[in-house]
Amino acid sequence: MYKIIPSKHVQLSKSIYGISGVILRILSCESLTVEKCWAEYNRSFVKTGRVKYHCSFDYFILAIDFLYMLESIEINSKGVLSIETN
C-alpha cells in the first residue's frame, strides 16, 4: 500500500512524497513528457536499484498531481513537465 508520506511501516520509495522527489530529480536535468519521465524513472531508478520498490504508473501520476498541486512543477499545453520557475 502506498501512502502520501513515509512512516514507520511505509518506506520512502512507497510514498507519494518519495516518488515526487524522484520525479523532481529527473526533471532537474530536463523537461520531459509524462511518458518520457516514466521511462527515465524505470531506466535510471528502478533498473539500477536506486529505488527499492517499483511504483505503478497510477502512483507515478498521483505523484505528478501532488507536485502540480504544490506548484512545484508545471505542465504545458503539449504535456511537457518542467520544474516551476516562479
PDB file of N, CA and C in Angstrom:
ATOM      1  N   MET A   1       0.837  -1.179   0.000  1.00  0.00           N
ATOM      2  CA  MET A   1       0.000   0.000   0.000  1.00  0.00           C
ATOM      3  C   MET A   1       0.881   1.242   0.000  1.00  0.00           C
ATOM      4  N   TYR A   2       0.511   2.195  -0.814  1.00  0.00           N
ATOM      5  CA  TYR A   2       1.234   3.446  -0.907  1.00  0.00           C
ATOM      6  C   TYR A   2       0.550   4.503  -0.052  1.00  0.00           C
ATOM      7  N   LYS A   3       1.327   5.368   0.516  1.00  0.00           N
ATOM      8  CA  LYS A   3       0.833   6.471   1.340  1.00  0.00           C
ATOM      9  C   LYS A   3       1.420   7.771   0.804  1.00  0.00           C
ATOM     10  N   ILE A   4       0.891   8.894   1.284  1.00  0.00           N
ATOM     11  CA  ILE A   4       1.421  10.180   0.847  1.00  0.00           C
ATOM     12  C   ILE A   4       2.806  10.414   1.418  1.00  0.00           C
ATOM     13  N   ILE A   5       2.985  10.173   2.710  1.00  0.00           N
ATOM     14  CA  ILE A   5       4.295  10.379   3.331  1.00  0.00           C
ATOM     15  C   ILE A   5       4.783   9.070   3.936  1.00  0.00           C
ATOM     16  N   PRO A   6       6.096   8.909   4.075  1.00  0.00           N
ATOM     17  CA  PRO A   6       6.623   7.687   4.678  1.00  0.00           C
ATOM     18  C   PRO A   6       6.326   7.662   6.173  1.00  0.00           C
ATOM     19  N   SER A   7       6.336   6.487   6.737  1.00  0.00           N
ATOM     20  CA  SER A   7       6.143   6.330   8.180  1.00  0.00           C
ATOM     21  C   SER A   7       6.991   5.155   8.651  1.00  0.00           C
ATOM     22  N   LYS A   8       6.746   4.749   9.863  1.00  0.00           N
ATOM     23  CA  LYS A   8       7.495   3.624  10.428  1.00  0.00           C
ATOM     24  C   LYS A   8       7.327   2.364   9.586  1.00  0.00           C
ATOM     25  N   HIS A   9       6.144   2.187   9.009  1.00  0.00           N
ATOM     26  CA  HIS A   9       5.847   0.970   8.269  1.00  0.00           C
ATOM     27  C   HIS A   9       5.753   1.173   6.759  1.00  0.00           C
ATOM     28  N   VAL A  10       5.912   2.405   6.305  1.00  0.00           N
ATOM     29  CA  VAL A  10       5.862   2.701   4.868  1.00  0.00           C
ATOM     30  C   VAL A  10       7.193   3.333   4.465  1.00  0.00           C
ATOM     31  N   GLN A  11       7.917   2.661   3.584  1.00  0.00           N
ATOM     32  CA  GLN A  11       9.219   3.160   3.167  1.00  0.00           C
ATOM     33  C   GLN A  11       9.066   4.358   2.231  1.00  0.00           C
ATOM     34  N   LEU A  12      10.114   5.160   2.173  1.00  0.00           N
ATOM     35  CA  LEU A  12      10.108   6.373   1.363  1.00  0.00           C
ATOM     36  C   LEU A  12       9.775   6.081  -0.090  1.00  0.00           C
ATOM     37  N   SER A  13      10.330   5.020  -0.645  1.00  0.00           N
ATOM     38  CA  SER A  13      10.086   4.707  -2.058  1.00  0.00           C
ATOM     39  C   SER A  13       8.668   4.208  -2.322  1.00  0.00           C
ATOM     40  N   LYS A  14       7.893   3.942  -1.277  1.00  0.00           N
ATOM     41  CA  LYS A  14       6.491   3.547  -1.429  1.00  0.00           C
ATOM     42  C   LYS A  14       5.538   4.695  -1.126  1.00  0.00           C
ATOM     43  N   SER A  15       6.065   5.880  -0.906  1.00  0.00           N
ATOM     44  CA  SER A  15       5.211   7.025  -0.589  1.00  0.00           C
ATOM     45  C   SER A  15       5.150   7.989  -1.771  1.00  0.00           C
ATOM     46  N   ILE A  16       4.038   8.703  -1.882  1.00  0.00           N
ATOM     47  CA  ILE A  16       3.888   9.722  -2.926  1.00  0.00           C
ATOM     48  C   ILE A  16       4.972  10.777  -2.758  1.00  0.00           C
ATOM     49  N   TYR A  17       5.286  11.104  -1.529  1.00  0.00           N
ATOM     50  CA  TYR A  17       6.335  12.077  -1.210  1.00  0.00           C
ATOM     51  C   TYR A  17       7.684  11.620  -1.781  1.00  0.00           C
ATOM     52  N   GLY A  18       8.021  10.365  -1.587  1.00  0.00           N
ATOM     53  CA  GLY A  18       9.289   9.825  -2.087  1.00  0.00           C
ATOM     54  C   GLY A  18       9.342   9.755  -3.602  1.00  0.00           C
ATOM     55  N   ILE A  19       8.250   9.308  -4.211  1.00  0.00           N
ATOM     56  CA  ILE A  19       8.179   9.236  -5.673  1.00  0.00           C
ATOM     57  C   ILE A  19       8.280  10.643  -6.262  1.00  0.00           C
ATOM     58  N   SER A  20       7.667  11.612  -5.577  1.00  0.00           N
ATOM     59  CA  SER A  20       7.725  13.003  -6.036  1.00  0.00           C
ATOM     60  C   SER A  20       9.161  13.521  -6.050  1.00  0.00           C
ATOM     61  N   GLY A  21       9.932  13.137  -5.052  1.00  0.00           N
ATOM     62  CA  GLY A  21      11.338  13.541  -5.010  1.00  0.00           C
ATOM     63  C   GLY A  21      12.121  12.991  -6.187  1.00  0.00           C
ATOM     64  N   VAL A  22      11.827  11.762  -6.559  1.00  0.00           N
ATOM     65  CA  VAL A  22      12.491  11.155  -7.717  1.00  0.00           C
ATOM     66  C   VAL A  22      12.102  11.908  -8.992  1.00  0.00           C
ATOM     67  N   ILE A  23      10.838  12.251  -9.109  1.00  0.00           N
ATOM     68  CA  ILE A  23      10.369  12.993 -10.292  1.00  0.00           C
ATOM     69  C   ILE A  23      11.066  14.352 -10.370  1.00  0.00           C
ATOM     70  N   LEU A  24      11.176  15.038  -9.252  1.00  0.00           N
ATOM     71  CA  LEU A  24      11.881  16.331  -9.253  1.00  0.00           C
ATOM     72  C   LEU A  24      13.338  16.161  -9.660  1.00  0.00           C
ATOM     73  N   ARG A  25      13.944  15.088  -9.214  1.00  0.00           N
ATOM     74  CA  ARG A  25      15.344  14.804  -9.587  1.00  0.00           C
ATOM     75  C   ARG A  25      15.459  14.605 -11.098  1.00  0.00           C
ATOM     76  N   ILE A  26      14.524  13.859 -11.667  1.00  0.00           N
ATOM     77  CA  ILE A  26      14.529  13.615 -13.110  1.00  0.00           C
ATOM     78  C   ILE A  26      14.324  14.922 -13.879  1.00  0.00           C
ATOM     79  N   LEU A  27      13.369  15.731 -13.424  1.00  0.00           N
ATOM     80  CA  LEU A  27      13.048  16.975 -14.134  1.00  0.00           C
ATOM     81  C   LEU A  27      14.083  18.067 -13.902  1.00  0.00           C
ATOM     82  N   SER A  28      14.972  17.888 -12.935  1.00  0.00           N
ATOM     83  CA  SER A  28      16.013  18.892 -12.714  1.00  0.00           C
ATOM     84  C   SER A  28      17.025  18.914 -13.859  1.00  0.00           C
ATOM     85  N   CYS A  29      17.092  17.826 -14.606  1.00  0.00           N
ATOM     86  CA  CYS A  29      18.011  17.746 -15.745  1.00  0.00           C
ATOM     87  C   CYS A  29      17.400  18.299 -17.025  1.00  0.00           C
ATOM     88  N   GLU A  30      16.128  17.978 -17.260  1.00  0.00           N
ATOM     89  CA  GLU A  30      15.456  18.444 -18.473  1.00  0.00           C
ATOM     90  C   GLU A  30      13.953  18.295 -18.342  1.00  0.00           C
ATOM     91  N   SER A  31      13.224  19.060 -19.137  1.00  0.00           N
ATOM     92  CA  SER A  31      11.769  18.952 -19.189  1.00  0.00           C
ATOM     93  C   SER A  31      11.405  17.743 -20.039  1.00  0.00           C
ATOM     94  N   LEU A  32      10.417  16.978 -19.585  1.00  0.00           N
ATOM     95  CA  LEU A  32      10.029  15.749 -20.273  1.00  0.00           C
ATOM     96  C   LEU A  32       8.525  15.589 -20.298  1.00  0.00           C
ATOM     97  N   THR A  33       8.029  14.801 -21.254  1.00  0.00           N
ATOM     98  CA  THR A  33       6.628  14.413 -21.232  1.00  0.00           C
ATOM     99  C   THR A  33       6.440  13.394 -20.107  1.00  0.00           C
ATOM    100  N   VAL A  34       5.201  13.133 -19.755  1.00  0.00           N
ATOM    101  CA  VAL A  34       4.924  12.151 -18.700  1.00  0.00           C
ATOM    102  C   VAL A  34       5.485  10.789 -19.078  1.00  0.00           C
ATOM    103  N   GLU A  35       5.301  10.391 -20.314  1.00  0.00           N
ATOM    104  CA  GLU A  35       5.773   9.075 -20.769  1.00  0.00           C
ATOM    105  C   GLU A  35       7.295   8.973 -20.690  1.00  0.00           C
ATOM    106  N   LYS A  36       7.989  10.020 -21.110  1.00  0.00           N
ATOM    107  CA  LYS A  36       9.456  10.003 -21.066  1.00  0.00           C
ATOM    108  C   LYS A  36       9.963  10.065 -19.628  1.00  0.00           C
ATOM    109  N   CYS A  37       9.254  10.789 -18.776  1.00  0.00           N
ATOM    110  CA  CYS A  37       9.617  10.858 -17.366  1.00  0.00           C
ATOM    111  C   CYS A  37       9.449   9.474 -16.722  1.00  0.00           C
ATOM    112  N   TRP A  38       8.366   8.774 -17.044  1.00  0.00           N
ATOM    113  CA  TRP A  38       8.123   7.419 -16.561  1.00  0.00           C
ATOM    114  C   TRP A  38       9.226   6.473 -17.046  1.00  0.00           C
ATOM    115  N   ALA A  39       9.594   6.583 -18.322  1.00  0.00           N
ATOM    116  CA  ALA A  39      10.659   5.741 -18.874  1.00  0.00           C
ATOM    117  C   ALA A  39      11.987   6.026 -18.175  1.00  0.00           C
ATOM    118  N   GLU A  40      12.279   7.285 -17.898  1.00  0.00           N
ATOM    119  CA  GLU A  40      13.516   7.656 -17.205  1.00  0.00           C
ATOM    120  C   GLU A  40      13.515   7.138 -15.767  1.00  0.00           C
ATOM    121  N   TYR A  41      12.362   7.203 -15.108  1.00  0.00           N
ATOM    122  CA  TYR A  41      12.216   6.645 -13.761  1.00  0.00           C
ATOM    123  C   TYR A  41      12.570   5.157 -13.765  1.00  0.00           C
ATOM    124  N   ASN A  42      12.013   4.428 -14.718  1.00  0.00           N
ATOM    125  CA  ASN A  42      12.289   2.990 -14.812  1.00  0.00           C
ATOM    126  C   ASN A  42      13.743   2.707 -15.164  1.00  0.00           C
ATOM    127  N   ARG A  43      14.296   3.465 -16.097  1.00  0.00           N
ATOM    128  CA  ARG A  43      15.664   3.223 -16.562  1.00  0.00           C
ATOM    129  C   ARG A  43      16.707   3.609 -15.516  1.00  0.00           C
ATOM    130  N   SER A  44      16.553   4.788 -14.937  1.00  0.00           N
ATOM    131  CA  SER A  44      17.603   5.312 -14.057  1.00  0.00           C
ATOM    132  C   SER A  44      17.431   4.972 -12.581  1.00  0.00           C
ATOM    133  N   PHE A  45      16.213   4.650 -12.169  1.00  0.00           N
ATOM    134  CA  PHE A  45      15.991   4.426 -10.748  1.00  0.00           C
ATOM    135  C   PHE A  45      15.554   3.008 -10.414  1.00  0.00           C
ATOM    136  N   VAL A  46      14.688   2.419 -11.211  1.00  0.00           N
ATOM    137  CA  VAL A  46      14.201   1.074 -10.906  1.00  0.00           C
ATOM    138  C   VAL A  46      15.220   0.020 -11.328  1.00  0.00           C
ATOM    139  N   LYS A  47      15.636   0.065 -12.575  1.00  0.00           N
ATOM    140  CA  LYS A  47      16.547  -0.964 -13.087  1.00  0.00           C
ATOM    141  C   LYS A  47      17.921  -0.922 -12.431  1.00  0.00           C
ATOM    142  N   THR A  48      18.325   0.239 -11.936  1.00  0.00           N
ATOM    143  CA  THR A  48      19.631   0.352 -11.281  1.00  0.00           C
ATOM    144  C   THR A  48      19.557   0.082  -9.784  1.00  0.00           C
ATOM    145  N   GLY A  49      18.332  -0.076  -9.263  1.00  0.00           N
ATOM    146  CA  GLY A  49      18.166  -0.354  -7.843  1.00  0.00           C
ATOM    147  C   GLY A  49      18.236   0.870  -6.946  1.00  0.00           C
ATOM    148  N   ARG A  50      18.170   2.062  -7.523  1.00  0.00           N
ATOM    149  CA  ARG A  50      18.223   3.285  -6.716  1.00  0.00           C
ATOM    150  C   ARG A  50      16.965   3.475  -5.890  1.00  0.00           C
ATOM    151  N   VAL A  51      15.853   2.905  -6.328  1.00  0.00           N
ATOM    152  CA  VAL A  51      14.642   2.852  -5.507  1.00  0.00           C
ATOM    153  C   VAL A  51      14.375   1.388  -5.191  1.00  0.00           C
ATOM    154  N   LYS A  52      13.949   1.143  -3.966  1.00  0.00           N
ATOM    155  CA  LYS A  52      13.763  -0.239  -3.531  1.00  0.00           C
ATOM    156  C   LYS A  52      12.512  -0.870  -4.126  1.00  0.00           C
ATOM    157  N   TYR A  53      11.448  -0.086  -4.248  1.00  0.00           N
ATOM    158  CA  TYR A  53      10.184  -0.600  -4.763  1.00  0.00           C
ATOM    159  C   TYR A  53       9.780   0.153  -6.016  1.00  0.00           C
ATOM    160  N   HIS A  54       9.273  -0.597  -6.957  1.00  0.00           N
ATOM    161  CA  HIS A  54       8.794  -0.022  -8.213  1.00  0.00           C
ATOM    162  C   HIS A  54       7.331   0.357  -8.031  1.00  0.00           C
ATOM    163  N   CYS A  55       6.996   1.610  -8.248  1.00  0.00           N
ATOM    164  CA  CYS A  55       5.600   2.041  -8.120  1.00  0.00           C
ATOM    165  C   CYS A  55       4.862   1.784  -9.425  1.00  0.00           C
ATOM    166  N   SER A  56       3.553   1.735  -9.338  1.00  0.00           N
ATOM    167  CA  SER A  56       2.739   1.571 -10.543  1.00  0.00           C
ATOM    168  C   SER A  56       2.643   2.916 -11.264  1.00  0.00           C
ATOM    169  N   PHE A  57       2.210   2.874 -12.510  1.00  0.00           N
ATOM    170  CA  PHE A  57       2.041   4.106 -13.271  1.00  0.00           C
ATOM    171  C   PHE A  57       0.992   5.000 -12.613  1.00  0.00           C
ATOM    172  N   ASP A  58      -0.034   4.398 -12.024  1.00  0.00           N
ATOM    173  CA  ASP A  58      -1.072   5.175 -11.325  1.00  0.00           C
ATOM    174  C   ASP A  58      -0.485   6.011 -10.194  1.00  0.00           C
ATOM    175  N   TYR A  59       0.388   5.412  -9.398  1.00  0.00           N
ATOM    176  CA  TYR A  59       1.001   6.153  -8.291  1.00  0.00           C
ATOM    177  C   TYR A  59       1.995   7.183  -8.803  1.00  0.00           C
ATOM    178  N   PHE A  60       2.627   6.890  -9.918  1.00  0.00           N
ATOM    179  CA  PHE A  60       3.516   7.861 -10.546  1.00  0.00           C
ATOM    180  C   PHE A  60       2.721   9.106 -10.942  1.00  0.00           C
ATOM    181  N   ILE A  61       1.547   8.904 -11.522  1.00  0.00           N
ATOM    182  CA  ILE A  61       0.679  10.024 -11.899  1.00  0.00           C
ATOM    183  C   ILE A  61       0.187  10.766 -10.661  1.00  0.00           C
ATOM    184  N   LEU A  62      -0.133  10.041  -9.589  1.00  0.00           N
ATOM    185  CA  LEU A  62      -0.526  10.700  -8.340  1.00  0.00           C
ATOM    186  C   LEU A  62       0.596  11.594  -7.813  1.00  0.00           C
ATOM    187  N   ALA A  63       1.830  11.142  -7.950  1.00  0.00           N
ATOM    188  CA  ALA A  63       2.970  11.949  -7.513  1.00  0.00           C
ATOM    189  C   ALA A  63       3.109  13.205  -8.374  1.00  0.00           C
ATOM    190  N   ILE A  64       2.856  13.075  -9.662  1.00  0.00           N
ATOM    191  CA  ILE A  64       2.873  14.245 -10.549  1.00  0.00           C
ATOM    192  C   ILE A  64       1.761  15.211 -10.146  1.00  0.00           C
ATOM    193  N   ASP A  65       0.573  14.683  -9.876  1.00  0.00           N
ATOM    194  CA  ASP A  65      -0.537  15.521  -9.416  1.00  0.00           C
ATOM    195  C   ASP A  65      -0.178  16.232  -8.108  1.00  0.00           C
ATOM    196  N   PHE A  66       0.454  15.523  -7.195  1.00  0.00           N
ATOM    197  CA  PHE A  66       0.878  16.078  -5.911  1.00  0.00           C
ATOM    198  C   PHE A  66       1.838  17.250  -6.129  1.00  0.00           C
ATOM    199  N   LEU A  67       2.818  17.064  -7.003  1.00  0.00           N
ATOM    200  CA  LEU A  67       3.777  18.135  -7.294  1.00  0.00           C
ATOM    201  C   LEU A  67       3.092  19.325  -7.969  1.00  0.00           C
ATOM    202  N   TYR A  68       2.125  19.040  -8.838  1.00  0.00           N
ATOM    203  CA  TYR A  68       1.394  20.110  -9.518  1.00  0.00           C
ATOM    204  C   TYR A  68       0.564  20.912  -8.508  1.00  0.00           C
ATOM    205  N   MET A  69      -0.081  20.215  -7.585  1.00  0.00           N
ATOM    206  CA  MET A  69      -0.879  20.907  -6.564  1.00  0.00           C
ATOM    207  C   MET A  69      -0.015  21.781  -5.663  1.00  0.00           C
ATOM    208  N   LEU A  70       1.210  21.334  -5.420  1.00  0.00           N
ATOM    209  CA  LEU A  70       2.147  22.119  -4.607  1.00  0.00           C
ATOM    210  C   LEU A  70       2.823  23.223  -5.403  1.00  0.00           C
ATOM    211  N   GLU A  71       2.496  23.296  -6.701  1.00  0.00           N
ATOM    212  CA  GLU A  71       3.093  24.253  -7.629  1.00  0.00           C
ATOM    213  C   GLU A  71       4.610  24.088  -7.742  1.00  0.00           C
ATOM    214  N   SER A  72       5.050  22.837  -7.646  1.00  0.00           N
ATOM    215  CA  SER A  72       6.474  22.522  -7.803  1.00  0.00           C
ATOM    216  C   SER A  72       6.830  22.242  -9.258  1.00  0.00           C
ATOM    217  N   ILE A  73       5.835  21.802 -10.023  1.00  0.00           N
ATOM    218  CA  ILE A  73       6.053  21.562 -11.450  1.00  0.00           C
ATOM    219  C   ILE A  73       4.946  22.249 -12.233  1.00  0.00           C
ATOM    220  N   GLU A  74       5.212  22.441 -13.501  1.00  0.00           N
ATOM    221  CA  GLU A  74       4.192  22.953 -14.404  1.00  0.00           C
ATOM    222  C   GLU A  74       4.083  22.002 -15.585  1.00  0.00           C
ATOM    223  N   ILE A  75       2.934  22.016 -16.216  1.00  0.00           N
ATOM    224  CA  ILE A  75       2.665  21.166 -17.367  1.00  0.00           C
ATOM    225  C   ILE A  75       2.170  22.073 -18.482  1.00  0.00           C
ATOM    226  N   ASN A  76       2.887  22.101 -19.605  1.00  0.00           N
ATOM    227  CA  ASN A  76       2.457  22.983 -20.690  1.00  0.00           C
ATOM    228  C   ASN A  76       1.364  22.323 -21.526  1.00  0.00           C
ATOM    229  N   SER A  77       0.892  23.014 -22.532  1.00  0.00           N
ATOM    230  CA  SER A  77      -0.225  22.528 -23.353  1.00  0.00           C
ATOM    231  C   SER A  77       0.131  21.272 -24.152  1.00  0.00           C
ATOM    232  N   LYS A  78       1.416  20.992 -24.327  1.00  0.00           N
ATOM    233  CA  LYS A  78       1.850  19.790 -25.039  1.00  0.00           C
ATOM    234  C   LYS A  78       2.091  18.621 -24.088  1.00  0.00           C
ATOM    235  N   GLY A  79       1.844  18.827 -22.788  1.00  0.00           N
ATOM    236  CA  GLY A  79       2.023  17.769 -21.812  1.00  0.00           C
ATOM    237  C   GLY A  79       3.441  17.591 -21.320  1.00  0.00           C
ATOM    238  N   VAL A  80       4.278  18.618 -21.517  1.00  0.00           N
ATOM    239  CA  VAL A  80       5.669  18.548 -21.074  1.00  0.00           C
ATOM    240  C   VAL A  80       5.758  19.046 -19.629  1.00  0.00           C
ATOM    241  N   LEU A  81       6.374  18.235 -18.781  1.00  0.00           N
ATOM    242  CA  LEU A  81       6.569  18.570 -17.379  1.00  0.00           C
ATOM    243  C   LEU A  81       7.875  19.329 -17.206  1.00  0.00           C
ATOM    244  N   SER A  82       7.855  20.341 -16.362  1.00  0.00           N
ATOM    245  CA  SER A  82       9.089  21.061 -16.028  1.00  0.00           C
ATOM    246  C   SER A  82       8.965  21.590 -14.606  1.00  0.00           C
ATOM    247  N   ILE A  83      10.086  21.884 -14.010  1.00  0.00           N
ATOM    248  CA  ILE A  83      10.096  22.417 -12.666  1.00  0.00           C
ATOM    249  C   ILE A  83       9.594  23.853 -12.714  1.00  0.00           C
ATOM    250  N   GLU A  84       8.691  24.182 -11.796  1.00  0.00           N
ATOM    251  CA  GLU A  84       8.123  25.535 -11.706  1.00  0.00           C
ATOM    252  C   GLU A  84       9.236  26.530 -11.414  1.00  0.00           C
ATOM    253  N   THR A  85       9.286  27.608 -12.173  1.00  0.00           N
ATOM    254  CA  THR A  85      10.356  28.589 -12.017  1.00  0.00           C
ATOM    255  C   THR A  85       9.945  29.818 -11.228  1.00  0.00           C
ATOM    256  N   ASN A  86       8.675  29.993 -10.926  1.00  0.00           N
ATOM    257  CA  ASN A  86       8.222  31.181 -10.188  1.00  0.00           C
ATOM    258  C   ASN A  86       8.327  30.970  -8.712  1.00  0.00           C
TER     259      ASN A  86
END
